[in-house]
């Protein structure tokens, strides 16, 4: 004989659901994927020299831009910090005077 359930303030854990998606093997699709990957590798190996040069130029350009942004940004932060510091000092002087 089972005891009746009492109401609870806490949520009782429930069983986890398991969902299995079936997989099917398609020989034509596997062959097509293999051919596509082989062709992509050939194309990439031919254009690797051009891509390396382009990648180096992009890294250099982005590096210069980042340096300019860092120096310009830190100047604004310093200016804002000094302005806030001076206003707090003036306010504290006015209150304590």
N, C-alpha and C. Protein backbone atom coordinates (compact mmCIF):
# COMPACT_ATOMS: atom_id res chain seq x y z
N UNK A 1 0.84 -1.18 0.00
CA UNK A 1 0.00 0.00 0.00
C UNK A 1 0.89 1.24 0.00
N UNK A 2 0.69 2.12 -0.96
CA UNK A 2 1.51 3.32 -1.11
C UNK A 2 0.95 4.44 -0.25
N UNK A 3 1.87 5.20 0.32
CA UNK A 3 1.46 6.34 1.13
C UNK A 3 1.04 7.50 0.23
N UNK A 4 0.09 8.30 0.66
CA UNK A 4 -0.30 9.46 -0.16
C UNK A 4 0.81 10.51 -0.17
N UNK A 5 0.93 11.24 -1.27
CA UNK A 5 1.96 12.27 -1.40
C UNK A 5 1.56 13.50 -0.60
N UNK A 6 2.54 14.05 0.11
CA UNK A 6 2.30 15.28 0.85
C UNK A 6 2.73 16.47 0.00
N UNK A 7 2.05 17.60 0.12
CA UNK A 7 2.48 18.77 -0.65
C UNK A 7 3.86 19.22 -0.19
N UNK A 8 4.64 19.72 -1.14
CA UNK A 8 6.01 20.10 -0.84
C UNK A 8 6.29 21.50 -1.36
N UNK A 9 7.19 22.20 -0.68
CA UNK A 9 7.60 23.52 -1.13
C UNK A 9 8.69 23.43 -2.19
N UNK A 10 9.36 22.31 -2.25
CA UNK A 10 10.48 22.13 -3.17
C UNK A 10 10.05 21.29 -4.36
N UNK A 11 10.63 21.59 -5.50
CA UNK A 11 10.33 20.84 -6.71
C UNK A 11 11.06 19.51 -6.65
N UNK A 12 10.35 18.45 -6.93
CA UNK A 12 10.98 17.14 -6.91
C UNK A 12 11.63 16.89 -8.27
N UNK A 13 12.79 16.24 -8.27
CA UNK A 13 13.47 16.00 -9.55
C UNK A 13 12.70 15.01 -10.41
N UNK A 14 12.72 15.26 -11.71
CA UNK A 14 12.05 14.36 -12.64
C UNK A 14 13.11 13.59 -13.41
N UNK A 15 12.71 12.50 -14.00
CA UNK A 15 13.62 11.67 -14.76
C UNK A 15 14.06 12.41 -16.02
N UNK A 16 15.31 12.24 -16.38
CA UNK A 16 15.84 12.84 -17.60
C UNK A 16 15.33 12.09 -18.82
N UNK A 17 15.05 12.82 -19.86
CA UNK A 17 14.59 12.21 -21.11
C UNK A 17 15.81 11.93 -21.99
N UNK A 18 15.80 10.83 -22.66
CA UNK A 18 16.88 10.47 -23.57
C UNK A 18 16.30 10.39 -24.97
N UNK A 19 16.92 11.14 -25.88
CA UNK A 19 16.42 11.16 -27.24
C UNK A 19 17.54 10.75 -28.18
N UNK A 20 17.33 9.69 -28.90
CA UNK A 20 18.33 9.18 -29.82
C UNK A 20 17.84 9.39 -31.24
N UNK A 21 18.64 10.14 -32.02
CA UNK A 21 18.29 10.34 -33.42
C UNK A 21 18.99 9.25 -34.22
N UNK A 22 18.23 8.58 -35.04
CA UNK A 22 18.81 7.50 -35.82
C UNK A 22 19.67 8.08 -36.94
N UNK A 23 20.71 7.33 -37.30
CA UNK A 23 21.62 7.76 -38.34
C UNK A 23 21.57 6.76 -39.48
N UNK A 24 21.65 7.32 -40.67
CA UNK A 24 21.65 6.47 -41.85
C UNK A 24 22.90 6.77 -42.66
N UNK A 25 23.45 5.76 -43.26
CA UNK A 25 24.65 5.93 -44.09
C UNK A 25 24.23 6.05 -45.54
N UNK A 26 24.66 7.13 -46.16
CA UNK A 26 24.37 7.35 -47.56
C UNK A 26 25.70 7.36 -48.31
N UNK A 27 25.94 6.32 -49.10
CA UNK A 27 27.22 6.16 -49.79
C UNK A 27 27.44 7.28 -50.80
N UNK A 28 26.41 7.70 -51.50
CA UNK A 28 26.56 8.77 -52.50
C UNK A 28 26.95 10.08 -51.84
N UNK A 29 26.31 10.38 -50.74
CA UNK A 29 26.63 11.63 -50.04
C UNK A 29 28.05 11.60 -49.48
N UNK A 30 28.47 10.45 -48.96
CA UNK A 30 29.82 10.32 -48.43
C UNK A 30 30.85 10.52 -49.54
N UNK A 31 30.59 9.96 -50.71
CA UNK A 31 31.49 10.12 -51.84
C UNK A 31 31.53 11.58 -52.30
N UNK A 32 30.38 12.22 -52.35
CA UNK A 32 30.30 13.62 -52.75
C UNK A 32 31.07 14.51 -51.77
N UNK A 33 30.88 14.29 -50.48
CA UNK A 33 31.60 15.06 -49.46
C UNK A 33 33.11 14.88 -49.59
N UNK A 34 33.54 13.65 -49.86
CA UNK A 34 34.97 13.38 -50.02
C UNK A 34 35.53 14.13 -51.23
N UNK A 35 34.80 14.11 -52.34
CA UNK A 35 35.24 14.83 -53.54
C UNK A 35 35.30 16.34 -53.30
N UNK A 36 34.30 16.87 -52.60
CA UNK A 36 34.27 18.31 -52.32
C UNK A 36 35.46 18.71 -51.45
N UNK A 37 35.73 17.93 -50.40
CA UNK A 37 36.86 18.27 -49.52
C UNK A 37 38.19 18.16 -50.27
N UNK A 38 38.33 17.19 -51.17
CA UNK A 38 39.56 17.05 -51.94
C UNK A 38 39.76 18.25 -52.86
N UNK A 39 38.70 18.70 -53.52
CA UNK A 39 38.79 19.87 -54.41
C UNK A 39 39.10 21.13 -53.62
N UNK A 40 38.49 21.28 -52.45
CA UNK A 40 38.78 22.45 -51.60
C UNK A 40 40.24 22.48 -51.18
N UNK A 41 40.79 21.32 -50.83
CA UNK A 41 42.21 21.26 -50.45
C UNK A 41 43.10 21.67 -51.60
N UNK A 42 42.77 21.24 -52.82
CA UNK A 42 43.56 21.61 -53.99
C UNK A 42 43.50 23.11 -54.23
N UNK A 43 42.32 23.67 -54.12
CA UNK A 43 42.16 25.12 -54.34
C UNK A 43 42.92 25.91 -53.28
N UNK A 44 42.83 25.47 -52.04
CA UNK A 44 43.53 26.17 -50.96
C UNK A 44 45.05 26.07 -51.11
N UNK A 45 45.54 24.93 -51.57
CA UNK A 45 46.99 24.79 -51.72
C UNK A 45 47.51 25.68 -52.85
N UNK A 46 46.71 25.90 -53.90
CA UNK A 46 47.12 26.78 -54.98
C UNK A 46 47.11 28.24 -54.55
N UNK A 47 46.13 28.62 -53.77
CA UNK A 47 46.00 30.03 -53.37
C UNK A 47 46.63 30.34 -52.03
N UNK A 48 47.40 29.42 -51.47
CA UNK A 48 47.99 29.64 -50.14
C UNK A 48 49.00 30.76 -50.14
N UNK A 49 49.77 30.90 -51.20
CA UNK A 49 50.80 31.93 -51.26
C UNK A 49 50.16 33.31 -51.29
N UNK A 50 49.12 33.48 -52.07
CA UNK A 50 48.43 34.77 -52.16
C UNK A 50 47.74 35.09 -50.84
N UNK A 51 47.11 34.09 -50.23
CA UNK A 51 46.40 34.31 -48.98
C UNK A 51 47.36 34.69 -47.85
N UNK A 52 48.55 34.12 -47.83
CA UNK A 52 49.51 34.43 -46.76
C UNK A 52 49.93 35.90 -46.85
N UNK A 53 50.15 36.40 -48.06
CA UNK A 53 50.53 37.80 -48.23
C UNK A 53 49.39 38.72 -47.81
N UNK A 54 48.19 38.39 -48.23
CA UNK A 54 47.02 39.20 -47.87
C UNK A 54 46.81 39.18 -46.36
N UNK A 55 46.96 38.04 -45.74
CA UNK A 55 46.77 37.91 -44.31
C UNK A 55 47.80 38.74 -43.54
N UNK A 56 49.04 38.76 -44.01
CA UNK A 56 50.07 39.56 -43.35
C UNK A 56 49.75 41.05 -43.43
N UNK A 57 49.29 41.50 -44.61
CA UNK A 57 48.93 42.91 -44.76
C UNK A 57 47.75 43.29 -43.87
N UNK A 58 46.76 42.40 -43.76
CA UNK A 58 45.61 42.69 -42.91
C UNK A 58 46.00 42.76 -41.44
N UNK A 59 46.85 41.84 -40.99
CA UNK A 59 47.29 41.86 -39.60
C UNK A 59 48.02 43.15 -39.28
N UNK A 60 48.87 43.59 -40.21
CA UNK A 60 49.61 44.82 -40.00
C UNK A 60 48.67 46.02 -39.93
N UNK A 61 47.68 46.07 -40.81
CA UNK A 61 46.75 47.19 -40.83
C UNK A 61 45.89 47.23 -39.56
N UNK A 62 45.41 46.08 -39.15
CA UNK A 62 44.59 46.05 -37.94
C UNK A 62 45.42 46.35 -36.70
N UNK A 63 46.67 45.94 -36.71
CA UNK A 63 47.55 46.23 -35.57
C UNK A 63 47.78 47.72 -35.43
N UNK A 64 48.01 48.41 -36.57
CA UNK A 64 48.20 49.87 -36.51
C UNK A 64 46.93 50.56 -36.03
N UNK A 65 45.78 50.10 -36.49
CA UNK A 65 44.52 50.72 -36.08
C UNK A 65 44.30 50.52 -34.59
N UNK A 66 44.60 49.33 -34.08
CA UNK A 66 44.41 49.05 -32.66
C UNK A 66 45.32 49.94 -31.81
N UNK A 67 46.57 50.14 -32.27
CA UNK A 67 47.49 51.00 -31.52
C UNK A 67 46.96 52.43 -31.46
N UNK A 68 46.46 52.93 -32.59
CA UNK A 68 45.91 54.30 -32.60
C UNK A 68 44.71 54.41 -31.68
N UNK A 69 43.87 53.39 -31.66
CA UNK A 69 42.68 53.44 -30.81
C UNK A 69 43.07 53.39 -29.34
N UNK A 70 44.06 52.59 -29.00
CA UNK A 70 44.46 52.48 -27.60
C UNK A 70 45.03 53.79 -27.09
N UNK A 71 45.88 54.43 -27.86
CA UNK A 71 46.47 55.69 -27.41
C UNK A 71 45.42 56.79 -27.34
N UNK A 72 44.55 56.88 -28.30
CA UNK A 72 43.52 57.91 -28.30
C UNK A 72 42.52 57.68 -27.18
N UNK A 73 42.19 56.44 -26.92
CA UNK A 73 41.21 56.11 -25.90
C UNK A 73 41.75 56.40 -24.50
N UNK A 74 43.01 56.10 -24.25
CA UNK A 74 43.56 56.30 -22.92
C UNK A 74 43.63 57.80 -22.59
N UNK A 75 43.83 58.65 -23.58
CA UNK A 75 43.85 60.09 -23.34
C UNK A 75 42.49 60.59 -22.89
N UNK A 76 41.42 60.07 -23.47
CA UNK A 76 40.07 60.46 -23.07
C UNK A 76 39.79 60.00 -21.65
N UNK A 77 40.24 58.81 -21.31
CA UNK A 77 40.01 58.29 -19.97
C UNK A 77 40.76 59.13 -18.94
N UNK A 78 42.00 59.48 -19.24
CA UNK A 78 42.77 60.31 -18.31
C UNK A 78 42.12 61.67 -18.12
N UNK A 79 41.66 62.28 -19.19
CA UNK A 79 41.00 63.58 -19.11
C UNK A 79 39.73 63.48 -18.27
N UNK A 80 38.94 62.46 -18.49
CA UNK A 80 37.70 62.28 -17.73
C UNK A 80 38.00 62.03 -16.26
N UNK A 81 39.03 61.22 -15.98
CA UNK A 81 39.41 60.92 -14.60
C UNK A 81 39.84 62.20 -13.87
N UNK A 82 40.65 63.02 -14.51
CA UNK A 82 41.11 64.27 -13.88
C UNK A 82 39.93 65.20 -13.65
N UNK A 83 39.00 65.28 -14.60
CA UNK A 83 37.82 66.14 -14.45
C UNK A 83 36.96 65.69 -13.27
N UNK A 84 36.73 64.39 -13.15
CA UNK A 84 35.93 63.87 -12.03
C UNK A 84 36.65 64.10 -10.72
N UNK A 85 37.96 63.88 -10.68
CA UNK A 85 38.74 64.06 -9.47
C UNK A 85 38.69 65.52 -9.01
N UNK A 86 38.85 66.46 -9.93
CA UNK A 86 38.79 67.88 -9.57
C UNK A 86 37.40 68.29 -9.08
N UNK A 87 36.36 67.76 -9.72
CA UNK A 87 35.02 68.11 -9.28
C UNK A 87 34.73 67.54 -7.88
N UNK A 88 35.22 66.33 -7.59
CA UNK A 88 35.03 65.76 -6.25
C UNK A 88 35.82 66.54 -5.20
N UNK A 89 37.02 66.97 -5.55
CA UNK A 89 37.80 67.77 -4.61
C UNK A 89 37.13 69.11 -4.34
N UNK A 90 36.59 69.74 -5.38
CA UNK A 90 35.89 71.02 -5.20
C UNK A 90 34.63 70.83 -4.36
N UNK A 91 33.91 69.75 -4.61
CA UNK A 91 32.70 69.48 -3.83
C UNK A 91 33.04 69.20 -2.36
N UNK A 92 34.08 68.43 -2.12
CA UNK A 92 34.45 68.14 -0.72
C UNK A 92 34.96 69.41 -0.03
N UNK A 93 35.66 70.27 -0.73
CA UNK A 93 36.13 71.53 -0.14
C UNK A 93 34.93 72.41 0.22
N UNK A 94 33.93 72.45 -0.67
CA UNK A 94 32.75 73.28 -0.42
C UNK A 94 31.96 72.75 0.78
N UNK A 95 31.86 71.42 0.91
CA UNK A 95 31.10 70.84 2.03
C UNK A 95 31.84 71.00 3.35
N UNK A 96 33.15 70.82 3.37
CA UNK A 96 33.92 70.85 4.61
C UNK A 96 34.31 72.28 5.01
N UNK A 97 34.12 73.25 4.19
CA UNK A 97 34.49 74.62 4.51
C UNK A 97 33.56 75.20 5.48
